[in-house]
Structure formats: structure tokens, C-alpha cells
Amino acid sequence: MAKKVATWIIVPFMFLIFILDMMTLVLCNIYEAKYEITNETFTLENGDDRIHFLHTGCSDCILLESNGRFALVDAGEGNYNPRKNVEYDGYEEQVISYIKKVCADEDGIARLDFMLLTHQHYDHSGNAEAIFADEEIEIGTLFMKELALSVLHDYEIEVWDVPGIYERIIAQAETAGTAWVCELPENMTFGDFEITLYNTKTPLDLMEDQGNNAESVGMKLEKADYTVFLAADIATTTGQEDLHLDEIGEVDLLKIGHHGYFGSSSMRFLKALSPEIAIVTNTLGKIYPNVKWNLTVTAKVPIYATVNRNGIIATITDDGNIVLTENIH
């Protein structure tokens, strides 16, 4: 009898979730029409202050560009994820070839001012080793906080090998001659962008055993009257959204935290940031239903997914507008 009652409750509930998810997908398609998205031509007709959201599956790799200078926020997933017990193809080749295509100078060397690794999960930092190992890519500075072991879950240490990833990145950066800075600046200038970093020092008293996502560093970029926030894996489940939402203020474009998975983009967070555009490093179909609901029904924000569009570039024009282009790979 108990199984029947549970079935009567669970099946209608799951059906309701399915219907609501379909509704949000319809709204996503309707809202997408708010901004015309054309194919990328790499001719810079809209200006050279650009944020490249690469297609690296459900992982983060974001290339910043301004006035002929380049920097990387996270590195995407590599080919040797310790969480996976089978061989698989990550995104090392795609990321490295894209960096060389976009950033290489007349000598064939791709020079990046810095690489910021927001935290050490493999879907954000896994490809860093391969990038540092490539002799045709030079990176001036590695910004990466010291790893706080007290924050990690046991499985992040024993199965995901987060400490190992962290140590290998430092070793490879040293071999490449890249300076490692663990005391992150809160403010810096990059070309025409003014940058503010959030969670530069993890509040260990609040984040013990919350997981490596609690160490995620958020980045706000400002040019003229336009503001972008890259939320890394900042989520309400770790308390990071509530800690920083008042400091961040309203933004025009939001890179959704934690790939749109559970715990990201709470109604409180979206209300405080009030974005006009949302970009997710994932497919629309993998965003959790409650997150899609918060974005489409509550905030009425169009969501553009890097996987569905084979990468997206957001160009911030000199008059403070935005142009979105796709198919950048």
C-alpha cells in the first residue's frame, strides 16, 4: 500500500515538473528573439571589447579581449578527468586551437595577460595544465587562490582529486615561467574593462565543508554603462549568492552560476542583479527546471546556451550596447 501511495504522489509530481519544464523551454525560445544573434565573422566590426564564451560542454572557459589584449577566465575541461573511469575526449584541443586562432600575434605566439582560475574543480581548471604546456601560448600571470582543504568534501579529495589538480597546475605554471598570484586583487583594469573580483578570500568560518564551489571567484566587468557578471560556480547552496548580491549590484549580462544546476540563480539573486541577458555554459536542456523557472518566469530573462550555439561572443560596443554572435568555433 505504501508503494502505491508513493507512486500516486511521485508520478503526478514528476509529470507536473515535466510540464513546467516544457513551459520554460517555450519561454526561452520566445525570449531569445529579444536579441538578434548572427554568426561570428571575426572582423571586429562591432569593436574589440569582447567576451568569448567557448563551447566546452558543461564546463567554463571564457576568453576576455580588449584593445588587442587577451586573458582567460577558467580553462574548460581537459581530457583526464579523475571523476571519469573511462577514456573520453575533453576540450583540450578545441580550447588551445581557439586561443591560437584568436590571440596569436605575427610571431605565431598567443600572449595572454593572465589566467584566472575561479576554483579547482576539473570542469573549470582541468585544461589549465595543457594550456601552460603549449609552447605557443604565453601567460603573464596565474591568478588562483590557495586551496582551502577545510572547505572540501571528502569525495573532492579522495575521488575528484582536487588537491592533485591544484598542485599540478602550480607545477605546470612554474615550468612555463608564469607567475602565480594567490592573493587576488579586488580591482584591476584590463583594456577598456574595469574588473572587480568577488570572494577573493574565502570566509573559512562560514564555508567549512561546503565544497570547492564555495571558493568560486566571481568577476564583474564594466565598460561605459554596461556591466557583465561572470558567476563561476557561485550558488545559493553554498551561501555565496547571499554574501555578494548586494555588493555586485545590477548587471546587464549574467553568466549563470554553476552551469544552471541546482542552487544557482535564486529569485533573490536574480532580483538583486536584474540582468537583461543570461548566458549559460551548458545546454538549455540540462539547466535545472527551477533555475529555468526563476530566469524565464520570474525574471523574464532570455537564456543563451553555449553548447546549443557552438559558443557565443558578447561584444560591448563603445556606445554601451551589446552585440551577440554565435558559432565561434
Protein backbone atom coordinates (compact mmCIF):
# COMPACT_ATOMS: atom_id res chain seq x y z
CA MET A 1 0.00 0.00 0.00
CA ALA A 2 2.81 2.39 0.87
CA LYS A 3 4.38 1.87 -2.55
CA LYS A 4 1.08 2.65 -4.28
CA VAL A 5 0.61 5.85 -2.27
CA ALA A 6 4.18 6.90 -3.05
CA THR A 7 3.56 6.23 -6.74
CA TRP A 8 0.33 8.26 -6.72
CA ILE A 9 2.26 11.18 -5.24
CA ILE A 10 5.52 10.93 -7.18
CA VAL A 11 4.15 10.30 -10.68
CA PRO A 12 1.84 13.37 -10.79
CA PHE A 13 4.62 15.46 -9.24
CA MET A 14 7.13 14.38 -11.90
CA PHE A 15 4.55 14.99 -14.63
CA LEU A 16 3.98 18.50 -13.28
CA ILE A 17 7.74 19.15 -13.29
CA PHE A 18 7.87 17.94 -16.91
CA ILE A 19 5.03 20.27 -17.95
CA LEU A 20 6.62 23.25 -16.19
CA ASP A 21 9.97 22.47 -17.80
CA MET A 22 8.36 22.41 -21.24
CA MET A 23 6.71 25.77 -20.49
CA THR A 24 10.05 27.33 -19.55
CA LEU A 25 11.68 25.97 -22.72
CA VAL A 26 8.93 27.60 -24.78
CA LEU A 27 9.54 30.87 -22.94
CA CYS A 28 13.29 30.51 -23.56
CA ASN A 29 12.64 30.30 -27.29
CA ILE A 30 10.30 33.31 -27.18
CA TYR A 31 12.70 35.47 -25.15
CA GLU A 32 15.68 34.59 -27.36
CA ALA A 33 14.11 36.72 -30.10
CA LYS A 34 14.78 39.85 -27.99
CA TYR A 35 18.37 39.92 -29.29
CA GLU A 36 19.42 39.22 -32.84
CA ILE A 37 22.30 36.74 -32.90
CA THR A 38 24.34 36.44 -36.07
CA ASN A 39 27.24 34.18 -37.00
CA GLU A 40 30.67 35.38 -35.85
CA THR A 41 32.98 36.62 -38.62
CA PHE A 42 35.99 37.73 -36.52
CA THR A 43 36.17 41.03 -38.39
CA LEU A 44 35.71 43.21 -35.26
CA GLU A 45 33.11 45.38 -36.98
CA ASN A 46 31.39 45.88 -33.62
CA GLY A 47 34.57 46.66 -31.70
CA ASP A 48 37.29 44.75 -29.90
CA ASP A 49 35.92 44.66 -26.36
CA ARG A 50 34.64 41.12 -26.37
CA ILE A 51 33.85 38.23 -24.06
CA HIS A 52 34.21 34.83 -25.72
CA PHE A 53 32.10 32.13 -24.06
CA LEU A 54 33.61 28.96 -25.52
CA HIS A 55 31.68 25.76 -26.13
CA THR A 56 33.36 23.32 -23.74
CA GLY A 57 30.32 21.26 -22.84
CA CYS A 58 29.11 21.87 -19.31
CA SER A 59 32.41 23.48 -18.27
CA ASP A 60 33.68 27.08 -18.13
CA CYS A 61 36.25 28.64 -20.45
CA ILE A 62 35.85 32.35 -21.09
CA LEU A 63 38.30 34.43 -23.14
CA LEU A 64 38.44 38.17 -22.48
CA GLU A 65 39.54 40.53 -25.24
CA SER A 66 40.08 44.28 -25.16
CA ASN A 67 42.25 46.57 -27.30
CA GLY A 68 44.26 43.66 -28.66
CA ARG A 69 44.91 42.18 -25.21
CA PHE A 70 43.65 38.81 -24.00
CA ALA A 71 43.02 36.95 -20.74
CA LEU A 72 41.36 33.71 -19.73
CA VAL A 73 38.78 33.07 -17.03
CA ASP A 74 38.84 29.33 -16.33
CA ALA A 75 40.26 26.78 -18.74
CA GLY A 76 37.50 24.30 -19.51
CA GLU A 77 37.54 20.55 -19.03
CA GLY A 78 40.64 18.62 -20.05
CA ASN A 79 41.00 15.02 -21.24
CA TYR A 80 41.85 13.33 -17.92
CA ASN A 81 39.01 14.00 -15.52
CA PRO A 82 39.62 11.92 -12.36
CA ARG A 83 35.84 11.68 -11.88
CA LYS A 84 35.53 9.57 -15.03
CA ASN A 85 36.79 5.99 -15.07
CA VAL A 86 36.75 5.65 -18.86
CA GLU A 87 38.73 7.34 -21.59
CA TYR A 88 36.98 10.29 -23.14
CA ASP A 89 37.67 13.40 -25.18
CA GLY A 90 37.64 16.63 -23.23
CA TYR A 91 38.20 20.04 -24.76
CA GLU A 92 41.98 20.49 -24.71
CA GLU A 93 42.43 20.60 -28.47
CA GLN A 94 39.42 22.87 -29.06
CA VAL A 95 40.41 25.41 -26.41
CA ILE A 96 44.08 25.55 -27.38
CA SER A 97 43.32 25.88 -31.10
CA TYR A 98 40.79 28.63 -30.39
CA ILE A 99 43.27 30.60 -28.25
CA LYS A 100 45.87 30.37 -31.02
CA LYS A 101 43.34 31.33 -33.69
CA VAL A 102 42.15 34.45 -31.86
CA CYS A 103 45.16 35.57 -29.83
CA ALA A 104 48.27 34.72 -31.87
CA ASP A 105 50.50 37.64 -32.90
CA GLU A 106 52.65 37.97 -36.01
CA ASP A 107 55.21 35.60 -34.46
CA GLY A 108 52.57 32.91 -34.01
CA ILE A 109 52.60 33.23 -30.21
CA ALA A 110 49.31 33.66 -28.32
CA ARG A 111 50.03 36.01 -25.41
CA LEU A 112 47.53 36.30 -22.57
CA ASP A 113 47.90 38.86 -19.79
CA PHE A 114 46.55 36.45 -17.21
CA MET A 115 44.60 33.31 -16.47
CA LEU A 116 42.12 33.42 -13.57
CA LEU A 117 41.05 30.03 -12.25
CA THR A 118 37.92 30.64 -10.23
CA HIS A 119 38.29 27.34 -8.32
CA GLN A 120 39.90 23.93 -8.79
CA HIS A 121 37.05 21.72 -9.98
CA TYR A 122 38.13 19.93 -13.15
CA ASP A 123 35.35 21.45 -15.26
CA HIS A 124 36.91 24.88 -14.63
CA SER A 125 40.62 24.16 -14.17
CA GLY A 126 41.27 20.79 -15.79
CA ASN A 127 42.57 22.16 -19.08
CA ALA A 128 45.00 24.61 -17.47
CA GLU A 129 47.88 22.14 -17.48
CA ALA A 130 47.63 21.57 -21.23
CA ILE A 131 47.44 25.32 -21.91
CA PHE A 132 50.53 26.03 -19.81
CA ALA A 133 52.37 23.15 -21.50
CA ASP A 134 51.82 24.55 -25.00
CA GLU A 135 54.93 26.43 -26.12
CA GLU A 136 52.94 28.68 -28.47
CA ILE A 137 50.88 30.14 -25.60
CA GLU A 138 52.40 32.57 -23.09
CA ILE A 139 50.51 33.66 -19.98
CA GLY A 140 51.79 36.52 -17.84
CA THR A 141 50.11 35.72 -14.52
CA LEU A 142 48.12 32.90 -12.98
CA PHE A 143 45.54 34.20 -10.51
CA MET A 144 44.43 31.31 -8.29
CA LYS A 145 43.66 31.31 -4.58
CA GLU A 146 45.40 28.90 -2.25
CA LEU A 147 43.31 25.78 -1.87
CA ALA A 148 41.46 25.59 1.46
CA LEU A 149 41.28 21.93 2.44
CA SER A 150 38.80 22.66 5.23
CA VAL A 151 36.22 23.67 2.63
CA LEU A 152 36.43 20.44 0.64
CA HIS A 153 34.11 17.45 0.90
CA ASP A 154 35.82 14.10 1.42
CA TYR A 155 34.90 12.91 -2.08
CA GLU A 156 36.51 16.02 -3.60
CA ILE A 157 39.78 14.90 -2.04
CA GLU A 158 39.53 11.14 -2.41
CA VAL A 159 37.68 10.77 -5.73
CA TRP A 160 37.83 14.08 -7.58
CA ASP A 161 41.50 14.69 -6.63
CA VAL A 162 41.04 18.45 -6.25
CA PRO A 163 44.33 18.84 -4.31
CA GLY A 164 46.17 16.95 -7.05
CA ILE A 165 44.71 19.17 -9.75
CA TYR A 166 45.74 22.23 -7.76
CA GLU A 167 49.34 21.05 -7.28
CA ARG A 168 49.77 20.04 -10.93
CA ILE A 169 48.53 23.41 -12.16
CA ILE A 170 51.04 25.24 -9.96
CA ALA A 171 53.87 22.98 -11.13
CA GLN A 172 52.99 23.40 -14.82
CA ALA A 173 52.66 27.18 -14.48
CA GLU A 174 56.08 27.32 -12.84
CA THR A 175 57.57 25.24 -15.67
CA ALA A 176 56.02 27.64 -18.20
CA GLY A 177 57.52 30.64 -16.41
CA THR A 178 54.13 32.05 -15.39
CA ALA A 179 53.96 33.96 -12.11
CA TRP A 180 51.41 32.57 -9.65
CA VAL A 181 49.50 35.14 -7.58
CA CYS A 182 47.38 33.66 -4.77
CA GLU A 183 46.49 36.97 -3.09
CA LEU A 184 43.92 38.11 -5.62
CA PRO A 185 43.37 41.83 -6.26
CA GLU A 186 39.84 43.08 -5.76
CA ASN A 187 40.11 45.59 -8.62
CA MET A 188 42.12 45.82 -11.81
CA THR A 189 41.95 47.31 -15.29
CA PHE A 190 42.05 45.22 -18.45
CA GLY A 191 41.95 47.29 -21.64
CA ASP A 192 38.64 49.17 -21.62
CA PHE A 193 37.21 46.95 -18.88
CA GLU A 194 37.23 47.77 -15.18
CA ILE A 195 37.28 44.48 -13.29
CA THR A 196 36.05 43.74 -9.77
CA LEU A 197 36.64 40.32 -8.21
CA TYR A 198 34.42 38.82 -5.51
CA ASN A 199 35.24 36.14 -2.93
CA THR A 200 38.96 36.85 -3.28
CA LYS A 201 39.37 35.49 0.25
CA THR A 202 37.21 32.54 1.19
CA PRO A 203 35.40 33.13 4.53
CA LEU A 204 36.53 29.83 6.02
CA ASP A 205 34.45 30.23 9.16
CA LEU A 206 31.29 30.22 7.03
CA MET A 207 32.34 27.79 4.30
CA GLU A 208 33.76 24.80 6.16
CA ASP A 209 32.76 21.57 4.37
CA GLN A 210 30.72 23.48 1.78
CA GLY A 211 32.80 22.17 -1.11
CA ASN A 212 35.19 23.76 -3.58
CA ASN A 213 32.36 25.69 -5.26
CA ALA A 214 32.32 27.87 -2.13
CA GLU A 215 35.76 29.14 -3.18
CA SER A 216 34.48 30.33 -6.56
CA VAL A 217 35.69 33.78 -7.56
CA GLY A 218 33.14 35.98 -9.31
CA MET A 219 34.17 38.65 -11.83
CA LYS A 220 32.36 41.87 -12.73
CA LEU A 221 33.41 43.67 -15.91
CA GLU A 222 32.33 47.24 -16.55
CA LYS A 223 32.64 49.35 -19.68
CA ALA A 224 30.83 52.65 -20.05
CA ASP A 225 27.33 51.93 -18.72
CA TYR A 226 27.42 48.19 -19.43
CA THR A 227 28.09 45.59 -16.74
CA VAL A 228 28.76 41.85 -17.00
CA PHE A 229 28.97 39.39 -14.11
CA LEU A 230 30.68 36.03 -14.53
CA ALA A 231 29.33 33.93 -11.67
CA ALA A 232 31.69 30.92 -11.92
CA ASP A 233 30.05 28.29 -9.66
CA ILE A 234 28.62 30.77 -7.17
CA ALA A 235 25.35 29.35 -5.86
CA THR A 236 22.82 29.86 -3.11
CA THR A 237 23.52 26.38 -1.69
CA THR A 238 26.97 27.46 -0.51
CA GLY A 239 25.73 30.84 0.71
CA GLN A 240 27.82 32.73 -1.85
CA GLU A 241 24.89 34.35 -3.65
CA ASP A 242 23.60 35.95 -0.46
CA LEU A 243 27.09 37.05 0.58
CA HIS A 244 27.75 39.03 -2.58
CA LEU A 245 24.46 40.03 -4.21
CA ASP A 246 24.34 43.47 -2.58
CA GLU A 247 27.97 44.17 -3.49
CA ILE A 248 27.54 43.17 -7.13
CA GLY A 249 24.50 45.36 -7.80
CA GLU A 250 22.56 45.39 -11.05
CA VAL A 251 24.17 43.96 -14.18
CA ASP A 252 23.23 43.81 -17.85
CA LEU A 253 24.60 40.35 -18.65
CA LEU A 254 24.89 37.40 -16.27
CA LYS A 255 26.94 34.27 -16.87
CA ILE A 256 24.77 31.89 -14.88
CA GLY A 257 26.48 30.29 -11.90
CA HIS A 258 27.15 26.54 -11.70
CA HIS A 259 26.02 25.88 -15.28
CA GLY A 260 22.37 26.32 -14.31
CA TYR A 261 22.40 23.35 -11.95
CA PHE A 262 20.55 23.13 -8.65
CA GLY A 263 21.30 26.00 -6.29
CA SER A 264 22.16 28.61 -8.90
CA SER A 265 20.24 31.75 -9.84
CA SER A 266 17.88 32.03 -6.89
CA MET A 267 15.00 34.51 -7.18
CA ARG A 268 16.65 36.70 -4.55
CA PHE A 269 19.92 36.76 -6.50
CA LEU A 270 18.23 37.50 -9.83
CA LYS A 271 16.13 40.25 -8.30
CA ALA A 272 19.25 41.96 -6.94
CA LEU A 273 21.26 41.65 -10.18
CA SER A 274 18.30 42.21 -12.54
CA PRO A 275 20.10 41.01 -15.70
CA GLU A 276 18.81 41.69 -19.21
CA ILE A 277 20.67 38.70 -20.72
CA ALA A 278 21.78 35.35 -19.30
CA ILE A 279 24.42 33.08 -20.81
CA VAL A 280 24.86 29.52 -19.57
CA THR A 281 27.86 27.27 -20.20
CA ASN A 282 25.70 24.24 -20.83
CA THR A 283 22.75 23.16 -22.96
CA LEU A 284 19.28 24.53 -22.25
CA GLY A 285 18.04 21.01 -21.66
CA LYS A 286 20.42 20.42 -18.74
CA ILE A 287 19.50 23.54 -16.78
CA TYR A 288 17.51 22.53 -13.72
CA PRO A 289 13.76 23.22 -14.07
CA ASN A 290 13.62 25.51 -11.03
CA VAL A 291 16.53 27.57 -12.37
CA LYS A 292 14.86 27.94 -15.78
CA TRP A 293 11.66 28.90 -13.99
CA ASN A 294 13.42 31.61 -11.97
CA LEU A 295 15.06 33.03 -15.08
CA THR A 296 12.19 32.84 -17.55
CA VAL A 297 9.01 33.16 -15.47
CA THR A 298 10.20 35.30 -12.57
CA ALA A 299 12.98 37.40 -14.11
CA LYS A 300 11.85 37.14 -17.77
CA VAL A 301 15.47 36.89 -18.93
CA PRO A 302 16.47 35.35 -22.28
CA ILE A 303 18.94 32.49 -21.84
CA TYR A 304 21.60 31.78 -24.46
CA ALA A 305 23.41 28.43 -24.13
CA THR A 306 26.99 28.00 -25.34
CA VAL A 307 26.52 24.37 -26.34
CA ASN A 308 23.34 24.96 -28.34
CA ARG A 309 25.06 27.79 -30.22
CA ASN A 310 28.59 26.37 -30.53
CA GLY A 311 30.00 29.21 -28.44
CA ILE A 312 28.92 32.83 -28.04
CA ILE A 313 30.75 36.17 -28.19
CA ALA A 314 29.33 39.19 -26.38
CA THR A 315 30.79 42.39 -27.82
CA ILE A 316 30.41 45.56 -25.73
CA THR A 317 30.32 48.47 -28.14
CA ASP A 318 31.75 51.91 -27.42
CA ASP A 319 28.26 53.36 -27.03
CA GLY A 320 27.44 50.86 -24.26
CA ASN A 321 25.37 48.39 -26.23
CA ILE A 322 25.85 44.66 -26.74
CA VAL A 323 26.09 42.52 -29.84
CA LEU A 324 25.83 38.73 -29.56
CA THR A 325 27.31 36.39 -32.15
CA GLU A 326 27.42 32.58 -32.26
CA ASN A 327 29.17 29.65 -33.96
CA ILE A 328 32.58 30.90 -32.86
CA HIS A 329 34.32 27.50 -33.13
